[in-house]
Amino acid sequence: MTLEQLRIGNRARITALAAEPALLQRLMEMGVLEGDEVEMVAVAPLGDPIEIRLGDSRLSLRREEAARVEVTLLP
């Protein structure tokens, strides 16, 4: 499952980042790291971008970027 497939309110743990080096570095600089817990907070009216909660921060990601982040759904 990828980050873009989460529904609002779902929580998940990041299991892998599968992106080209430039995007991978950008995601890591924003704090998107393997093992971190994320929560889907909102989706823009037209479906892109999405907003996630990561720790005490909120990040907006394009669906294309979120599709590169593999997650495991948490109960």
PDB file of N, CA and C in Angstrom:
ATOM      1  N   MET A   1       0.852  -1.170   0.000  1.00  0.00           N
ATOM      2  CA  MET A   1       0.000   0.000   0.000  1.00  0.00           C
ATOM      3  C   MET A   1       0.899   1.235   0.000  1.00  0.00           C
ATOM      4  N   THR A   2       0.435   2.296  -0.650  1.00  0.00           N
ATOM      5  CA  THR A   2       1.211   3.531  -0.683  1.00  0.00           C
ATOM      6  C   THR A   2       0.476   4.639   0.064  1.00  0.00           C
ATOM      7  N   LEU A   3       1.190   5.688   0.356  1.00  0.00           N
ATOM      8  CA  LEU A   3       0.650   6.818   1.115  1.00  0.00           C
ATOM      9  C   LEU A   3      -0.552   7.448   0.428  1.00  0.00           C
ATOM     10  N   GLU A   4      -0.547   7.496  -0.884  1.00  0.00           N
ATOM     11  CA  GLU A   4      -1.658   8.110  -1.607  1.00  0.00           C
ATOM     12  C   GLU A   4      -2.959   7.318  -1.485  1.00  0.00           C
ATOM     13  N   GLN A   5      -2.892   6.044  -1.118  1.00  0.00           N
ATOM     14  CA  GLN A   5      -4.067   5.194  -1.022  1.00  0.00           C
ATOM     15  C   GLN A   5      -4.780   5.290   0.322  1.00  0.00           C
ATOM     16  N   LEU A   6      -4.178   5.986   1.286  1.00  0.00           N
ATOM     17  CA  LEU A   6      -4.816   6.130   2.592  1.00  0.00           C
ATOM     18  C   LEU A   6      -6.070   6.992   2.483  1.00  0.00           C
ATOM     19  N   ARG A   7      -7.002   6.754   3.367  1.00  0.00           N
ATOM     20  CA  ARG A   7      -8.216   7.567   3.474  1.00  0.00           C
ATOM     21  C   ARG A   7      -8.046   8.526   4.642  1.00  0.00           C
ATOM     22  N   ILE A   8      -8.808   9.589   4.654  1.00  0.00           N
ATOM     23  CA  ILE A   8      -8.734  10.568   5.732  1.00  0.00           C
ATOM     24  C   ILE A   8      -8.965   9.867   7.074  1.00  0.00           C
ATOM     25  N   GLY A   9      -8.084  10.134   8.017  1.00  0.00           N
ATOM     26  CA  GLY A   9      -8.170   9.531   9.341  1.00  0.00           C
ATOM     27  C   GLY A   9      -7.347   8.266   9.502  1.00  0.00           C
ATOM     28  N   ASN A  10      -6.923   7.638   8.388  1.00  0.00           N
ATOM     29  CA  ASN A  10      -6.095   6.434   8.466  1.00  0.00           C
ATOM     30  C   ASN A  10      -4.694   6.784   8.956  1.00  0.00           C
ATOM     31  N   ARG A  11      -4.141   5.891   9.774  1.00  0.00           N
ATOM     32  CA  ARG A  11      -2.761   6.023  10.228  1.00  0.00           C
ATOM     33  C   ARG A  11      -1.959   4.864   9.660  1.00  0.00           C
ATOM     34  N   ALA A  12      -0.699   5.138   9.390  1.00  0.00           N
ATOM     35  CA  ALA A  12       0.162   4.110   8.812  1.00  0.00           C
ATOM     36  C   ALA A  12       1.601   4.342   9.215  1.00  0.00           C
ATOM     37  N   ARG A  13       2.416   3.303   9.054  1.00  0.00           N
ATOM     38  CA  ARG A  13       3.848   3.400   9.310  1.00  0.00           C
ATOM     39  C   ARG A  13       4.571   3.314   7.969  1.00  0.00           C
ATOM     40  N   ILE A  14       5.527   4.198   7.754  1.00  0.00           N
ATOM     41  CA  ILE A  14       6.301   4.213   6.512  1.00  0.00           C
ATOM     42  C   ILE A  14       7.243   3.018   6.512  1.00  0.00           C
ATOM     43  N   THR A  15       7.164   2.206   5.452  1.00  0.00           N
ATOM     44  CA  THR A  15       8.010   1.015   5.368  1.00  0.00           C
ATOM     45  C   THR A  15       9.120   1.153   4.335  1.00  0.00           C
ATOM     46  N   ALA A  16       8.923   1.977   3.305  1.00  0.00           N
ATOM     47  CA  ALA A  16       9.959   2.137   2.278  1.00  0.00           C
ATOM     48  C   ALA A  16       9.716   3.404   1.469  1.00  0.00           C
ATOM     49  N   LEU A  17      10.807   3.944   0.956  1.00  0.00           N
ATOM     50  CA  LEU A  17      10.745   5.091   0.048  1.00  0.00           C
ATOM     51  C   LEU A  17      11.340   4.618  -1.269  1.00  0.00           C
ATOM     52  N   ALA A  18      10.549   4.685  -2.331  1.00  0.00           N
ATOM     53  CA  ALA A  18      11.000   4.204  -3.633  1.00  0.00           C
ATOM     54  C   ALA A  18      10.906   5.337  -4.647  1.00  0.00           C
ATOM     55  N   ALA A  19      11.898   6.207  -4.634  1.00  0.00           N
ATOM     56  CA  ALA A  19      11.862   7.373  -5.509  1.00  0.00           C
ATOM     57  C   ALA A  19      13.242   7.608  -6.119  1.00  0.00           C
ATOM     58  N   GLU A  20      13.274   8.438  -7.155  1.00  0.00           N
ATOM     59  CA  GLU A  20      14.545   8.813  -7.740  1.00  0.00           C
ATOM     60  C   GLU A  20      15.317   9.646  -6.712  1.00  0.00           C
ATOM     61  N   PRO A  21      16.626   9.718  -6.824  1.00  0.00           N
ATOM     62  CA  PRO A  21      17.455  10.353  -5.787  1.00  0.00           C
ATOM     63  C   PRO A  21      17.034  11.771  -5.387  1.00  0.00           C
ATOM     64  N   ALA A  22      16.668  12.618  -6.338  1.00  0.00           N
ATOM     65  CA  ALA A  22      16.297  13.995  -5.999  1.00  0.00           C
ATOM     66  C   ALA A  22      15.027  14.037  -5.145  1.00  0.00           C
ATOM     67  N   LEU A  23      14.020  13.264  -5.526  1.00  0.00           N
ATOM     68  CA  LEU A  23      12.776  13.231  -4.754  1.00  0.00           C
ATOM     69  C   LEU A  23      13.008  12.559  -3.410  1.00  0.00           C
ATOM     70  N   LEU A  24      13.798  11.514  -3.387  1.00  0.00           N
ATOM     71  CA  LEU A  24      14.112  10.820  -2.145  1.00  0.00           C
ATOM     72  C   LEU A  24      14.766  11.780  -1.149  1.00  0.00           C
ATOM     73  N   GLN A  25      15.722  12.558  -1.612  1.00  0.00           N
ATOM     74  CA  GLN A  25      16.386  13.526  -0.747  1.00  0.00           C
ATOM     75  C   GLN A  25      15.395  14.574  -0.250  1.00  0.00           C
ATOM     76  N   ARG A  26      14.523  15.056  -1.124  1.00  0.00           N
ATOM     77  CA  ARG A  26      13.528  16.064  -0.741  1.00  0.00           C
ATOM     78  C   ARG A  26      12.593  15.519   0.329  1.00  0.00           C
ATOM     79  N   LEU A  27      12.102  14.290   0.149  1.00  0.00           N
ATOM     80  CA  LEU A  27      11.209  13.677   1.135  1.00  0.00           C
ATOM     81  C   LEU A  27      11.914  13.522   2.481  1.00  0.00           C
ATOM     82  N   MET A  28      13.157  13.079   2.448  1.00  0.00           N
ATOM     83  CA  MET A  28      13.902  12.887   3.690  1.00  0.00           C
ATOM     84  C   MET A  28      14.173  14.217   4.382  1.00  0.00           C
ATOM     85  N   GLU A  29      14.421  15.275   3.618  1.00  0.00           N
ATOM     86  CA  GLU A  29      14.628  16.596   4.207  1.00  0.00           C
ATOM     87  C   GLU A  29      13.363  17.115   4.880  1.00  0.00           C
ATOM     88  N   MET A  30      12.198  16.700   4.375  1.00  0.00           N
ATOM     89  CA  MET A  30      10.917  17.101   4.975  1.00  0.00           C
ATOM     90  C   MET A  30      10.582  16.231   6.189  1.00  0.00           C
ATOM     91  N   GLY A  31      11.379  15.193   6.448  1.00  0.00           N
ATOM     92  CA  GLY A  31      11.145  14.357   7.611  1.00  0.00           C
ATOM     93  C   GLY A  31      10.410  13.070   7.328  1.00  0.00           C
ATOM     94  N   VAL A  32      10.204  12.742   6.067  1.00  0.00           N
ATOM     95  CA  VAL A  32       9.533  11.492   5.694  1.00  0.00           C
ATOM     96  C   VAL A  32      10.591  10.388   5.712  1.00  0.00           C
ATOM     97  N   LEU A  33      10.603   9.611   6.801  1.00  0.00           N
ATOM     98  CA  LEU A  33      11.627   8.591   6.997  1.00  0.00           C
ATOM     99  C   LEU A  33      10.990   7.241   7.297  1.00  0.00           C
ATOM    100  N   GLU A  34      11.673   6.179   6.918  1.00  0.00           N
ATOM    101  CA  GLU A  34      11.183   4.823   7.200  1.00  0.00           C
ATOM    102  C   GLU A  34      11.002   4.649   8.700  1.00  0.00           C
ATOM    103  N   GLY A  35       9.896   4.016   9.088  1.00  0.00           N
ATOM    104  CA  GLY A  35       9.610   3.763  10.488  1.00  0.00           C
ATOM    105  C   GLY A  35       8.731   4.814  11.135  1.00  0.00           C
ATOM    106  N   ASP A  36       8.587   5.972  10.508  1.00  0.00           N
ATOM    107  CA  ASP A  36       7.754   7.034  11.072  1.00  0.00           C
ATOM    108  C   ASP A  36       6.274   6.743  10.864  1.00  0.00           C
ATOM    109  N   GLU A  37       5.462   7.264  11.772  1.00  0.00           N
ATOM    110  CA  GLU A  37       4.018   7.109  11.685  1.00  0.00           C
ATOM    111  C   GLU A  37       3.419   8.357  11.041  1.00  0.00           C
ATOM    112  N   VAL A  38       2.479   8.151  10.117  1.00  0.00           N
ATOM    113  CA  VAL A  38       1.804   9.257   9.439  1.00  0.00           C
ATOM    114  C   VAL A  38       0.295   9.077   9.540  1.00  0.00           C
ATOM    115  N   GLU A  39      -0.422  10.172   9.380  1.00  0.00           N
ATOM    116  CA  GLU A  39      -1.885  10.133   9.367  1.00  0.00           C
ATOM    117  C   GLU A  39      -2.380  10.994   8.207  1.00  0.00           C
ATOM    118  N   MET A  40      -3.332  10.475   7.450  1.00  0.00           N
ATOM    119  CA  MET A  40      -3.936  11.251   6.364  1.00  0.00           C
ATOM    120  C   MET A  40      -4.881  12.266   6.999  1.00  0.00           C
ATOM    121  N   VAL A  41      -4.670  13.538   6.717  1.00  0.00           N
ATOM    122  CA  VAL A  41      -5.455  14.600   7.330  1.00  0.00           C
ATOM    123  C   VAL A  41      -6.502  15.163   6.376  1.00  0.00           C
ATOM    124  N   ALA A  42      -6.100  15.438   5.133  1.00  0.00           N
ATOM    125  CA  ALA A  42      -7.030  16.073   4.194  1.00  0.00           C
ATOM    126  C   ALA A  42      -6.602  15.803   2.760  1.00  0.00           C
ATOM    127  N   VAL A  43      -7.566  15.980   1.868  1.00  0.00           N
ATOM    128  CA  VAL A  43      -7.326  15.886   0.433  1.00  0.00           C
ATOM    129  C   VAL A  43      -7.922  17.138  -0.206  1.00  0.00           C
ATOM    130  N   ALA A  44      -7.184  17.768  -1.092  1.00  0.00           N
ATOM    131  CA  ALA A  44      -7.681  18.967  -1.771  1.00  0.00           C
ATOM    132  C   ALA A  44      -8.945  18.620  -2.569  1.00  0.00           C
ATOM    133  N   PRO A  45      -9.802  19.603  -2.815  1.00  0.00           N
ATOM    134  CA  PRO A  45     -11.068  19.347  -3.508  1.00  0.00           C
ATOM    135  C   PRO A  45     -10.939  18.593  -4.837  1.00  0.00           C
ATOM    136  N   LEU A  46      -9.888  18.833  -5.580  1.00  0.00           N
ATOM    137  CA  LEU A  46      -9.709  18.136  -6.856  1.00  0.00           C
ATOM    138  C   LEU A  46      -8.848  16.882  -6.714  1.00  0.00           C
ATOM    139  N   GLY A  47      -8.515  16.508  -5.462  1.00  0.00           N
ATOM    140  CA  GLY A  47      -7.791  15.276  -5.213  1.00  0.00           C
ATOM    141  C   GLY A  47      -6.290  15.400  -5.126  1.00  0.00           C
ATOM    142  N   ASP A  48      -5.739  16.547  -5.409  1.00  0.00           N
ATOM    143  CA  ASP A  48      -4.296  16.722  -5.377  1.00  0.00           C
ATOM    144  C   ASP A  48      -3.982  18.145  -4.957  1.00  0.00           C
ATOM    145  N   PRO A  49      -3.199  18.408  -3.957  1.00  0.00           N
ATOM    146  CA  PRO A  49      -2.351  17.530  -3.159  1.00  0.00           C
ATOM    147  C   PRO A  49      -3.113  16.917  -1.980  1.00  0.00           C
ATOM    148  N   ILE A  50      -2.366  16.079  -1.232  1.00  0.00           N
ATOM    149  CA  ILE A  50      -2.908  15.507  -0.006  1.00  0.00           C
ATOM    150  C   ILE A  50      -2.145  16.128   1.166  1.00  0.00           C
ATOM    151  N   GLU A  51      -2.757  16.101   2.341  1.00  0.00           N
ATOM    152  CA  GLU A  51      -2.106  16.623   3.533  1.00  0.00           C
ATOM    153  C   GLU A  51      -1.970  15.498   4.544  1.00  0.00           C
ATOM    154  N   ILE A  52      -0.761  15.336   5.065  1.00  0.00           N
ATOM    155  CA  ILE A  52      -0.503  14.298   6.065  1.00  0.00           C
ATOM    156  C   ILE A  52       0.044  14.940   7.336  1.00  0.00           C
ATOM    157  N   ARG A  53      -0.168  14.237   8.444  1.00  0.00           N
ATOM    158  CA  ARG A  53       0.439  14.645   9.715  1.00  0.00           C
ATOM    159  C   ARG A  53       1.612  13.718   9.948  1.00  0.00           C
ATOM    160  N   LEU A  54       2.753  14.313  10.226  1.00  0.00           N
ATOM    161  CA  LEU A  54       3.983  13.565  10.460  1.00  0.00           C
ATOM    162  C   LEU A  54       4.592  14.147  11.726  1.00  0.00           C
ATOM    163  N   GLY A  55       4.443  13.435  12.838  1.00  0.00           N
ATOM    164  CA  GLY A  55       4.876  13.981  14.122  1.00  0.00           C
ATOM    165  C   GLY A  55       3.996  15.163  14.483  1.00  0.00           C
ATOM    166  N   ASP A  56       4.612  16.301  14.761  1.00  0.00           N
ATOM    167  CA  ASP A  56       3.870  17.515  15.089  1.00  0.00           C
ATOM    168  C   ASP A  56       3.695  18.418  13.876  1.00  0.00           C
ATOM    169  N   SER A  57       4.077  17.953  12.702  1.00  0.00           N
ATOM    170  CA  SER A  57       4.025  18.760  11.485  1.00  0.00           C
ATOM    171  C   SER A  57       2.942  18.258  10.537  1.00  0.00           C
ATOM    172  N   ARG A  58       2.530  19.140   9.661  1.00  0.00           N
ATOM    173  CA  ARG A  58       1.626  18.770   8.573  1.00  0.00           C
ATOM    174  C   ARG A  58       2.341  19.061   7.263  1.00  0.00           C
ATOM    175  N   LEU A  59       2.290  18.099   6.349  1.00  0.00           N
ATOM    176  CA  LEU A  59       2.939  18.242   5.053  1.00  0.00           C
ATOM    177  C   LEU A  59       1.926  18.075   3.938  1.00  0.00           C
ATOM    178  N   SER A  60       2.090  18.832   2.891  1.00  0.00           N
ATOM    179  CA  SER A  60       1.292  18.642   1.682  1.00  0.00           C
ATOM    180  C   SER A  60       2.185  17.997   0.637  1.00  0.00           C
ATOM    181  N   LEU A  61       1.691  16.912   0.057  1.00  0.00           N
ATOM    182  CA  LEU A  61       2.435  16.187  -0.974  1.00  0.00           C
ATOM    183  C   LEU A  61       1.556  15.988  -2.194  1.00  0.00           C
ATOM    184  N   ARG A  62       2.168  16.040  -3.365  1.00  0.00           N
ATOM    185  CA  ARG A  62       1.440  15.674  -4.577  1.00  0.00           C
ATOM    186  C   ARG A  62       1.169  14.181  -4.535  1.00  0.00           C
ATOM    187  N   ARG A  63       0.095  13.750  -5.167  1.00  0.00           N
ATOM    188  CA  ARG A  63      -0.214  12.314  -5.199  1.00  0.00           C
ATOM    189  C   ARG A  63       0.926  11.529  -5.833  1.00  0.00           C
ATOM    190  N   GLU A  64       1.560  12.112  -6.833  1.00  0.00           N
ATOM    191  CA  GLU A  64       2.689  11.452  -7.503  1.00  0.00           C
ATOM    192  C   GLU A  64       3.828  11.183  -6.516  1.00  0.00           C
ATOM    193  N   GLU A  65       4.092  12.135  -5.620  1.00  0.00           N
ATOM    194  CA  GLU A  65       5.129  11.951  -4.603  1.00  0.00           C
ATOM    195  C   GLU A  65       4.686  10.922  -3.561  1.00  0.00           C
ATOM    196  N   ALA A  66       3.436  11.009  -3.137  1.00  0.00           N
ATOM    197  CA  ALA A  66       2.906  10.095  -2.120  1.00  0.00           C
ATOM    198  C   ALA A  66       2.891   8.647  -2.620  1.00  0.00           C
ATOM    199  N   ALA A  67       2.772   8.468  -3.925  1.00  0.00           N
ATOM    200  CA  ALA A  67       2.755   7.117  -4.495  1.00  0.00           C
ATOM    201  C   ALA A  67       4.115   6.435  -4.361  1.00  0.00           C
ATOM    202  N   ARG A  68       5.156   7.185  -4.074  1.00  0.00           N
ATOM    203  CA  ARG A  68       6.505   6.625  -3.923  1.00  0.00           C
ATOM    204  C   ARG A  68       6.802   6.196  -2.477  1.00  0.00           C
ATOM    205  N   VAL A  69       5.850   6.452  -1.564  1.00  0.00           N
ATOM    206  CA  VAL A  69       6.051   6.133  -0.148  1.00  0.00           C
ATOM    207  C   VAL A  69       5.197   4.923   0.215  1.00  0.00           C
ATOM    208  N   GLU A  70       5.845   3.800   0.498  1.00  0.00           N
ATOM    209  CA  GLU A  70       5.129   2.587   0.877  1.00  0.00           C
ATOM    210  C   GLU A  70       4.854   2.597   2.367  1.00  0.00           C
ATOM    211  N   VAL A  71       3.625   2.203   2.739  1.00  0.00           N
ATOM    212  CA  VAL A  71       3.206   2.224   4.138  1.00  0.00           C
ATOM    213  C   VAL A  71       2.494   0.934   4.517  1.00  0.00           C
ATOM    214  N   THR A  72       2.415   0.707   5.830  1.00  0.00           N
ATOM    215  CA  THR A  72       1.616  -0.386   6.381  1.00  0.00           C
ATOM    216  C   THR A  72       0.553   0.245   7.264  1.00  0.00           C
ATOM    217  N   LEU A  73      -0.687  -0.089   7.012  1.00  0.00           N
ATOM    218  CA  LEU A  73      -1.808   0.474   7.758  1.00  0.00           C
ATOM    219  C   LEU A  73      -1.743   0.042   9.216  1.00  0.00           C
ATOM    220  N   LEU A  74      -2.003   0.991  10.116  1.00  0.00           N
ATOM    221  CA  LEU A  74      -2.040   0.709  11.550  1.00  0.00           C
ATOM    222  C   LEU A  74      -3.492   0.581  12.003  1.00  0.00           C
ATOM    223  N   PRO A  75      -3.736  -0.220  13.052  1.00  0.00           N
ATOM    224  CA  PRO A  75      -5.111  -0.381  13.544  1.00  0.00           C
ATOM    225  C   PRO A  75      -5.646   0.884  14.204  1.00  0.00           C
TER     226      PRO A  75
END
